Protein backbone atom coordinates (compact mmCIF):
# COMPACT_ATOMS: atom_id res chain seq x y z
CA MET A 1 0.00 0.00 0.00
CA LYS A 2 1.32 3.45 -0.87
CA GLU A 3 2.42 5.72 1.94
CA THR A 4 -0.23 8.31 1.03
CA SER A 5 -3.04 5.81 0.41
CA TRP A 6 -4.79 6.78 3.68
CA ILE A 7 -5.94 10.12 2.26
CA ASN A 8 -9.61 9.31 1.74
CA LEU A 9 -12.67 9.39 3.96
CA PRO A 10 -13.02 5.63 4.71
CA SER A 11 -9.37 5.37 5.80
CA LEU A 12 -9.08 8.41 8.06
CA SER A 13 -7.99 7.97 11.66
CA LEU A 14 -10.64 7.97 14.36
CA SER A 15 -9.61 11.39 15.67
CA VAL A 16 -9.86 13.02 12.23
CA LYS A 17 -13.24 11.37 11.65
CA ALA A 18 -14.42 12.73 15.00
CA LEU A 19 -13.24 16.23 14.03
CA PHE A 20 -14.97 16.12 10.64
CA THR A 21 -18.14 14.55 12.06
CA GLY A 22 -18.46 17.19 14.77
CA TYR A 23 -18.14 19.94 12.19
CA ILE A 24 -20.64 18.28 9.84
CA LEU A 25 -23.22 17.83 12.60
CA VAL A 26 -22.94 21.43 13.76
CA VAL A 27 -23.11 22.77 10.19
CA GLY A 28 -26.08 20.52 9.44
CA VAL A 29 -28.01 21.83 12.44
CA GLY A 30 -26.95 25.37 11.50
CA LEU A 31 -28.36 24.98 8.00
CA LEU A 32 -31.64 23.70 9.44
CA MET A 33 -31.78 26.72 11.77
CA ALA A 34 -31.08 28.98 8.78
CA GLY A 35 -34.02 27.45 6.96
CA LEU A 36 -36.24 27.99 10.01
CA GLN A 37 -35.05 31.58 10.29
CA ILE A 38 -35.97 32.18 6.64
CA LEU A 39 -39.45 30.77 7.26
CA LEU A 40 -39.90 33.02 10.29
CA SER A 41 -38.47 36.19 8.76
CA HIS A 42 -39.71 35.90 5.15
CA GLY A 43 -42.31 33.12 5.25
CA MET A 44 -45.07 35.34 6.64
CA ALA A 45 -44.43 38.37 4.42
CA ASP A 46 -47.63 37.64 2.50
CA GLY A 47 -49.56 36.82 5.69
CA LYS A 48 -49.70 33.09 4.92
CA PRO A 49 -47.65 30.26 6.47
CA GLY A 50 -44.84 28.77 4.37
CA LEU A 51 -42.34 30.31 1.99
CA SER A 52 -43.75 31.38 -1.37
CA ILE A 53 -42.69 33.52 -4.32
CA ASP A 54 -44.91 36.31 -2.97
CA ASP A 55 -42.96 36.20 0.30
CA ILE A 56 -39.71 36.72 -1.61
CA VAL A 57 -41.20 39.51 -3.73
CA TYR A 58 -42.58 41.34 -0.69
CA SER A 59 -39.29 40.92 1.20
CA TYR A 60 -36.99 42.33 -1.50
CA HIS A 61 -39.17 44.26 -3.97
CA GLY A 62 -41.85 45.21 -1.47
CA ASN A 63 -45.62 45.18 -1.59
CA ARG A 64 -46.00 48.54 -3.31
CA THR A 65 -49.76 48.67 -2.85
CA GLY A 66 -49.27 49.60 0.81
CA SER A 67 -46.76 50.67 3.46
CA THR A 68 -43.97 48.70 5.07
CA LEU A 69 -45.88 48.96 8.35
CA GLU A 70 -48.99 47.44 6.81
CA ALA A 71 -47.00 44.66 5.14
CA LYS A 72 -45.37 43.72 8.44
CA LEU A 73 -48.65 43.80 10.36
CA HIS A 74 -50.20 41.46 7.80
CA GLY A 75 -47.06 39.31 7.64
CA SER A 76 -44.27 38.52 10.11
CA MET A 77 -45.74 40.78 12.85
CA LYS A 78 -49.26 39.41 12.41
CA ASP A 79 -49.52 37.95 15.92
CA MET A 80 -47.78 40.76 17.79
CA ALA A 81 -50.88 42.87 18.48
CA PRO A 82 -54.70 42.55 18.54
CA ASN A 83 -56.52 43.13 15.27
CA GLU A 84 -58.15 46.31 16.53
CA GLN A 85 -54.80 47.91 17.32
CA LYS A 86 -53.29 46.77 14.03
CA LEU A 87 -56.16 48.39 12.12
CA VAL A 88 -55.51 51.68 13.94
CA LEU A 89 -51.84 51.59 12.89
CA ILE A 90 -52.73 50.68 9.29
CA LYS A 91 -55.29 53.45 9.01
CA TRP A 92 -52.76 55.93 10.41
CA ALA A 93 -50.23 54.87 7.76
CA ARG A 94 -52.82 55.10 4.95
CA ASP A 95 -53.78 58.59 6.13
CA GLY A 96 -50.19 59.75 5.69
CA ALA A 97 -48.96 59.15 9.25
CA PRO A 98 -50.14 62.52 10.64
CA GLU A 99 -48.01 63.85 13.49
CA GLU A 100 -50.99 65.04 15.56
CA GLN A 101 -52.14 61.43 16.08
CA TRP A 102 -48.77 60.22 17.30
CA GLU A 103 -48.89 61.13 21.01
CA PRO A 104 -52.59 60.48 21.79
CA ILE A 105 -53.24 57.41 19.60
CA ILE A 106 -50.23 55.71 18.00
CA LYS A 107 -47.49 56.00 20.63
CA PRO A 108 -49.50 54.20 23.36
CA ILE A 109 -50.02 51.25 20.98
CA THR A 110 -46.36 51.01 20.06
CA GLN A 111 -45.35 51.32 23.72
CA GLN A 112 -47.56 48.38 24.64
CA TYR A 113 -46.93 46.03 21.73
CA CYS A 114 -43.80 47.08 19.82
CA VAL A 115 -41.02 48.84 21.70
CA ALA A 116 -39.93 45.78 23.70
CA CYS A 117 -38.08 44.79 20.53
CA HIS A 118 -38.26 47.92 18.38
CA SER A 119 -36.12 50.05 20.65
CA THR A 120 -33.52 47.62 21.95
CA MET A 121 -32.62 45.27 19.08
CA PRO A 122 -29.99 46.43 16.54
CA GLY A 123 -31.25 46.59 12.97
CA LEU A 124 -34.89 47.15 13.93
CA ALA A 125 -36.64 50.49 13.56
CA ASP A 126 -36.91 52.43 16.84
CA PHE A 127 -40.64 52.76 17.46
CA THR A 128 -40.14 55.26 20.25
CA LYS A 129 -39.43 57.86 17.55
CA LEU A 130 -42.10 59.41 15.35
CA SER A 131 -39.63 59.82 12.46
CA GLU A 132 -38.96 56.08 12.40
CA MET A 133 -42.65 55.25 12.46
CA GLN A 134 -43.33 57.72 9.64
CA ARG A 135 -40.52 56.16 7.62
CA ILE A 136 -42.01 52.65 7.74
CA ALA A 137 -45.47 54.09 7.12
CA GLU A 138 -44.30 55.01 3.61
CA VAL A 139 -44.89 52.80 0.56
CA ASP A 140 -43.28 49.38 1.02
CA THR A 141 -40.30 49.15 -1.37
CA GLY A 142 -38.73 46.10 0.25
CA LYS A 143 -35.31 45.97 1.85
CA ALA A 144 -33.26 49.15 1.77
CA LEU A 145 -30.10 49.20 -0.34
CA SER A 146 -27.99 49.61 2.79
CA THR A 147 -29.61 46.51 4.28
CA LEU A 148 -29.08 44.51 1.08
CA THR A 149 -25.43 45.54 1.02
CA ARG A 150 -24.90 44.50 4.63
CA LEU A 151 -26.70 41.18 4.24
CA SER A 152 -24.94 40.42 0.95
CA HIS A 153 -21.41 40.77 2.26
CA ILE A 154 -22.23 38.86 5.46
CA HIS A 155 -23.75 35.95 3.50
CA LEU A 156 -21.07 35.88 0.81
CA PHE A 157 -18.20 35.79 3.28
CA GLY A 158 -19.85 33.68 5.98
CA ILE A 159 -21.59 31.01 3.90
CA SER A 160 -18.66 30.64 1.51
CA PHE A 161 -16.47 29.68 4.50
CA ILE A 162 -18.99 27.00 5.44
CA PHE A 163 -19.07 25.61 1.90
CA PHE A 164 -15.27 25.71 1.72
CA PHE A 165 -14.83 23.39 4.69
CA VAL A 166 -17.75 21.16 3.67
CA GLY A 167 -16.18 20.87 0.22
CA LEU A 168 -12.73 20.25 1.70
CA ILE A 169 -14.04 17.28 3.66
CA PHE A 170 -16.01 15.97 0.69
CA SER A 171 -12.92 16.26 -1.54
CA LEU A 172 -11.61 13.18 0.32
CA ALA A 173 -14.56 11.08 -0.88
CA VAL A 174 -13.95 8.09 -3.13
CA GLY A 175 -16.05 6.45 -5.85
CA PHE A 176 -16.75 9.63 -7.84
CA LYS A 177 -15.42 10.59 -11.22
CA PRO A 178 -13.13 13.61 -10.73
CA TRP A 179 -15.32 15.93 -12.79
CA VAL A 180 -18.47 14.86 -10.90
CA LYS A 181 -16.86 15.51 -7.51
CA ALA A 182 -15.49 18.85 -8.71
CA LEU A 183 -18.93 19.86 -9.99
CA ILE A 184 -20.61 18.97 -6.67
CA ILE A 185 -18.00 20.97 -4.74
CA PHE A 186 -18.38 24.01 -7.00
CA THR A 187 -22.19 23.92 -7.19
CA PRO A 188 -23.06 25.53 -3.81
CA PHE A 189 -20.74 28.47 -4.52
CA ALA A 190 -22.40 29.04 -7.89
CA PHE A 191 -25.91 28.87 -6.41
CA LEU A 192 -24.88 31.18 -3.57
CA ILE A 193 -23.90 33.82 -6.14
CA VAL A 194 -27.22 33.27 -7.95
CA ASP A 195 -29.11 33.64 -4.66
CA ILE A 196 -27.41 36.89 -3.60
CA ALA A 197 -27.55 38.41 -7.10
CA ALA A 198 -31.26 37.57 -7.26
CA TRP A 199 -31.89 39.64 -4.11
CA TRP A 200 -30.70 42.73 -5.96
CA LEU A 201 -32.47 41.84 -9.20
CA THR A 202 -35.74 41.16 -7.33
CA LYS A 203 -35.41 44.58 -5.73
CA LEU A 204 -35.60 45.96 -9.30
CA SER A 205 -38.09 43.50 -10.76
CA PRO A 206 -40.27 40.89 -8.96
CA GLY A 207 -39.82 38.40 -11.79
CA PHE A 208 -36.35 37.51 -10.48
CA ALA A 209 -37.78 36.15 -7.22
CA TRP A 210 -37.72 32.65 -8.72
CA PHE A 211 -33.91 32.81 -8.83
CA VAL A 212 -33.81 33.45 -5.06
CA MET A 213 -35.77 30.23 -4.57
CA ILE A 214 -33.63 28.33 -7.11
CA GLY A 215 -30.39 29.54 -5.54
CA GLY A 216 -31.40 28.55 -2.02
CA ILE A 217 -32.66 25.11 -3.06
CA GLY A 218 -29.60 24.52 -5.25
CA TYR A 219 -26.95 25.11 -2.63
CA SER A 220 -28.98 23.30 0.04
CA ILE A 221 -29.17 20.14 -2.09
CA ALA A 222 -25.46 20.27 -2.99
CA ALA A 223 -24.48 20.79 0.67
CA ALA A 224 -26.74 17.92 1.77
CA ILE A 225 -25.13 15.57 -0.78
CA MET A 226 -21.65 16.42 0.49
CA LEU A 227 -22.59 16.18 4.17
CA PHE A 228 -24.40 12.83 3.97
CA THR A 229 -21.83 11.32 1.59
CA SER A 230 -18.99 12.31 3.93
CA LEU A 231 -20.70 10.77 6.96
CA TYR A 232 -21.52 7.58 5.02
CA GLN A 233 -17.99 7.09 3.78
CA MET A 234 -16.36 7.82 7.15
CA TRP A 235 -18.53 5.52 9.23
CA ILE A 236 -20.79 3.17 7.24
CA MET A 237 -18.30 2.03 4.60
CA PRO A 238 -15.71 0.80 7.14
CA LEU A 239 -18.43 -1.01 9.10
CA ARG A 240 -19.37 -2.83 5.90
CA GLY A 241 -15.73 -3.75 5.25
CA GLN A 242 -15.41 -1.32 2.34
CA THR A 243 -11.99 0.33 2.15
CA SER A 244 -9.97 2.20 -0.44
CA ASP A 245 -6.24 2.72 -1.07
CA GLN A 246 -6.92 5.76 -3.27
CA ASN A 247 -5.28 9.08 -2.52
CA ALA A 248 -8.35 11.25 -3.09
CA TRP A 249 -6.31 14.46 -3.36
CA LEU A 250 -3.89 13.14 -5.97
CA SER A 251 -5.54 10.33 -7.93
CA GLU A 252 -7.45 11.27 -11.08
CA LYS A 253 -8.72 7.73 -11.67
């Protein structure tokens, strides 16, 4: 057996398998939590459970038939206040958010139902300020460009690091043609670019919302293939007596 023949997933030492498995399990749970976070943050944008194309359109392009405040009260903030109070806020926004109604009518509602989060959490509008309330009472144009920029660079840098290490582990897999393995490793990066680019394009035109969905599904499937394949080859193959003397980083066979 060649000196370097151990460089493949089935033949790794127990300590390296433990390291890779711990990372894979944490990343797998993290991806599930990311999916749940998407459902909670975007999945109610249209006021209905589950993620739909309308949710994506409303999140990035906006629901331009009404205000951001109204969209949130019908969507992700639907259960945060009684219907009667929500209708008061919506009517105020539709009337142009008049300042004279702020102190006697609107501020008491926001103090009771909103400011627990919307005055203490970074990134959320401060509902103790009339100017902030008037801003979100304007026509809903989706995420602001500054928000898109911040989210884009966080996702591009952060998620690409995750895919790098997932791909690095999967690169030790055996039984794949080199071009197939290379394609699987590259796929999540390509779909990540499609996903982020589609945010910006959907901001301009709602028709691009489908590419947000395609991008997210694409990199999720590719990541799942790499994660489950890596676990299978590290643990199940040796239990079944399946080994390999291939150097997965050097062999092109």
